[in-house]
């Protein structure tokens, strides 16, 4: 596997590449994750998305 960032929110869940995130989503849908924890997870994922976007927009050197 190449050493590169992966877009967590748009990764094919069938590939089982992100089993922890998939499991967190399942637990949240079952109501087993407190709302403040889920907001933290969403916030961290959003920050990661912004970093990915910044890396994509950076000119290749």
Protein backbone atom coordinates (compact mmCIF):
# COMPACT_ATOMS: atom_id res chain seq x y z
CA UNK A 1 0.00 0.00 0.00
CA UNK A 2 1.26 3.45 -0.87
CA UNK A 3 2.04 5.85 1.95
CA UNK A 4 -0.61 8.50 1.23
CA UNK A 5 -3.61 10.13 2.85
CA UNK A 6 -6.96 8.51 2.24
CA UNK A 7 -10.27 10.35 2.12
CA UNK A 8 -12.00 8.71 5.11
CA UNK A 9 -15.48 10.00 4.43
CA UNK A 10 -15.53 8.86 0.80
CA UNK A 11 -13.70 5.55 1.06
CA UNK A 12 -15.50 2.45 -0.17
CA UNK A 13 -16.83 0.86 3.02
CA UNK A 14 -16.97 -2.53 1.28
CA UNK A 15 -13.18 -2.56 1.21
CA UNK A 16 -13.08 -2.74 5.04
CA UNK A 17 -10.22 -0.25 4.92
CA UNK A 18 -11.80 1.84 7.71
CA UNK A 19 -13.45 -0.72 10.02
CA UNK A 20 -13.18 1.54 13.09
CA UNK A 21 -14.99 4.42 11.43
CA UNK A 22 -17.62 2.04 10.07
CA UNK A 23 -18.11 0.61 13.55
CA UNK A 24 -18.45 4.10 15.06
CA UNK A 25 -21.13 4.93 12.50
CA UNK A 26 -22.98 1.71 13.38
CA UNK A 27 -22.76 2.45 17.10
CA UNK A 28 -23.99 6.00 16.57
CA UNK A 29 -26.95 4.77 14.53
CA UNK A 30 -27.82 2.42 17.41
CA UNK A 31 -27.74 5.38 19.80
CA UNK A 32 -24.75 4.04 21.75
CA UNK A 33 -22.44 7.04 21.27
CA UNK A 34 -23.15 10.19 23.28
CA UNK A 35 -23.93 13.24 21.11
CA UNK A 36 -20.89 15.19 22.33
CA UNK A 37 -18.58 12.33 21.32
CA UNK A 38 -20.24 12.06 17.91
CA UNK A 39 -19.82 15.82 17.38
CA UNK A 40 -16.12 15.42 18.21
CA UNK A 41 -15.76 12.57 15.69
CA UNK A 42 -17.52 14.68 13.03
CA UNK A 43 -15.35 17.68 13.83
CA UNK A 44 -12.16 15.65 13.51
CA UNK A 45 -13.34 14.16 10.21
CA UNK A 46 -14.12 17.66 8.92
CA UNK A 47 -10.63 18.88 9.86
CA UNK A 48 -9.15 15.88 8.06
CA UNK A 49 -11.24 16.68 4.97
CA UNK A 50 -9.91 20.26 5.00
CA UNK A 51 -6.33 18.98 5.21
CA UNK A 52 -6.95 16.65 2.27
CA UNK A 53 -8.40 19.52 0.25
CA UNK A 54 -5.40 21.72 1.05
CA UNK A 55 -3.02 18.95 -0.02
CA UNK A 56 -4.89 18.46 -3.30
CA UNK A 57 -4.76 22.18 -4.07
CA UNK A 58 -1.04 22.46 -3.33
CA UNK A 59 0.98 22.60 -6.57
CA UNK A 60 3.10 19.55 -7.27
CA UNK A 61 6.79 20.18 -6.81
